Amino acid sequence: MYYTWMIVGMALITVFIKAAIFMLGERAAFPIWLKEALAFVPVTVLTAIIVPMVLAPHNQGLELSWRNPQLIAAIAAVLVCAATRRQLLTIMVGLLVFFAWQFGVLGH
């Protein structure tokens, strides 16, 4: 029950903040430093979500071995992204490497 109230509280706070900004429109002016800082929020949030899933997929400490298909797929995706800068290709290669490693190399 505690988690339900926590999620409801976060949802209310989020809706309140977004509604306030939407209703204020152009009257809400943010300082330049805040706009620059907010530009990093999506990258920061995605990194905070993805890195633990890649490095410790089973919540049992770091799994830095060839038996971690998430790590192998992430490395392949980073290499493809660095070489091509194409997002769709990066996603497709990452998924392909993950499933090939999971079912082909590891066999489960």
Protein backbone atom coordinates (compact mmCIF):
# COMPACT_ATOMS: atom_id res chain seq x y z
CA MET A 1 0.00 0.00 0.00
CA TYR A 2 2.95 2.29 0.73
CA TYR A 3 4.17 2.03 -2.86
CA THR A 4 0.72 2.85 -4.21
CA TRP A 5 0.58 6.09 -2.25
CA MET A 6 4.13 6.89 -3.27
CA ILE A 7 3.27 6.44 -6.98
CA VAL A 8 0.06 8.46 -6.60
CA GLY A 9 2.03 11.24 -4.88
CA MET A 10 4.66 11.31 -7.63
CA ALA A 11 1.94 11.38 -10.29
CA LEU A 12 0.18 14.29 -8.59
CA ILE A 13 3.39 16.27 -8.26
CA THR A 14 4.27 15.62 -11.90
CA VAL A 15 0.81 16.62 -13.14
CA PHE A 16 0.87 19.76 -10.96
CA ILE A 17 4.25 20.88 -12.27
CA LYS A 18 3.36 20.20 -15.92
CA ALA A 19 -0.06 21.85 -15.58
CA ALA A 20 1.46 24.92 -13.95
CA ILE A 21 4.02 25.32 -16.73
CA PHE A 22 1.35 24.74 -19.38
CA MET A 23 -1.05 27.27 -17.83
CA LEU A 24 1.64 29.91 -17.36
CA GLY A 25 2.77 29.56 -20.97
CA GLU A 26 5.26 32.20 -21.99
CA ARG A 27 4.95 33.98 -18.65
CA ALA A 28 7.09 31.25 -17.13
CA ALA A 29 10.63 32.25 -18.04
CA PHE A 30 13.45 30.02 -16.90
CA PRO A 31 17.00 31.27 -16.49
CA ILE A 32 19.45 30.15 -19.14
CA TRP A 33 21.44 28.02 -16.69
CA LEU A 34 18.27 26.10 -15.79
CA LYS A 35 17.39 25.54 -19.46
CA GLU A 36 20.90 24.22 -20.09
CA ALA A 37 20.68 21.96 -17.05
CA LEU A 38 17.27 20.62 -18.06
CA ALA A 39 18.66 19.64 -21.47
CA PHE A 40 20.75 16.96 -19.72
CA VAL A 41 17.83 15.39 -17.84
CA PRO A 42 16.77 12.86 -20.53
CA VAL A 43 20.32 11.60 -21.04
CA THR A 44 20.87 11.37 -17.31
CA VAL A 45 17.64 9.48 -16.68
CA LEU A 46 18.24 7.03 -19.52
CA THR A 47 21.79 6.41 -18.34
CA ALA A 48 20.58 5.79 -14.79
CA ILE A 49 18.07 3.24 -16.09
CA ILE A 50 20.21 1.46 -18.69
CA VAL A 51 23.67 1.17 -17.09
CA PRO A 52 22.55 -0.93 -14.07
CA MET A 53 20.53 -3.18 -16.38
CA VAL A 54 23.58 -3.76 -18.59
CA LEU A 55 26.24 -4.18 -15.91
CA ALA A 56 24.19 -6.02 -13.26
CA PRO A 57 21.18 -7.56 -15.01
CA HIS A 58 20.38 -10.02 -12.21
CA ASN A 59 20.97 -7.65 -9.25
CA GLN A 60 23.79 -9.88 -8.00
CA GLY A 61 26.73 -7.54 -8.50
CA LEU A 62 28.64 -6.66 -11.64
CA GLU A 63 28.58 -9.25 -14.41
CA LEU A 64 31.49 -8.24 -16.61
CA SER A 65 31.83 -11.46 -18.57
CA TRP A 66 31.04 -12.88 -21.99
CA ARG A 67 28.05 -14.68 -20.40
CA ASN A 68 26.22 -11.34 -19.99
CA PRO A 69 24.23 -10.85 -23.22
CA GLN A 70 23.13 -7.35 -22.20
CA LEU A 71 26.76 -6.26 -21.96
CA ILE A 72 27.71 -7.81 -25.30
CA ALA A 73 24.70 -6.20 -27.01
CA ALA A 74 25.45 -2.83 -25.42
CA ILE A 75 29.05 -2.96 -26.63
CA ALA A 76 27.88 -3.83 -30.15
CA ALA A 77 25.30 -1.02 -30.05
CA VAL A 78 27.88 1.53 -28.89
CA LEU A 79 30.25 0.51 -31.68
CA VAL A 80 27.51 0.73 -34.33
CA CYS A 81 26.32 4.09 -33.01
CA ALA A 82 29.85 5.50 -32.96
CA ALA A 83 30.51 4.30 -36.50
CA THR A 84 27.20 5.19 -38.16
CA ARG A 85 25.28 7.66 -35.90
CA ARG A 86 22.05 5.95 -37.03
CA GLN A 87 19.62 5.31 -34.16
CA LEU A 88 17.40 2.73 -35.81
CA LEU A 89 20.37 0.69 -37.01
CA THR A 90 21.87 0.87 -33.52
CA ILE A 91 18.68 -0.43 -31.93
CA MET A 92 18.32 -3.21 -34.48
CA VAL A 93 21.93 -4.36 -34.13
CA GLY A 94 21.70 -4.22 -30.33
CA LEU A 95 18.56 -6.37 -30.29
CA LEU A 96 19.94 -8.78 -32.88
CA VAL A 97 23.18 -9.26 -30.96
CA PHE A 98 21.30 -9.67 -27.68
CA PHE A 99 18.95 -12.37 -28.95
CA ALA A 100 21.69 -14.12 -30.94
CA TRP A 101 23.94 -14.17 -27.87
CA GLN A 102 21.13 -15.20 -25.51
CA PHE A 103 19.74 -18.04 -27.61
CA GLY A 104 22.65 -18.91 -29.91
CA VAL A 105 25.79 -18.64 -27.82
CA LEU A 106 24.41 -19.24 -24.33
CA GLY A 107 21.63 -21.54 -25.46
CA HIS A 108 18.84 -20.36 -23.15
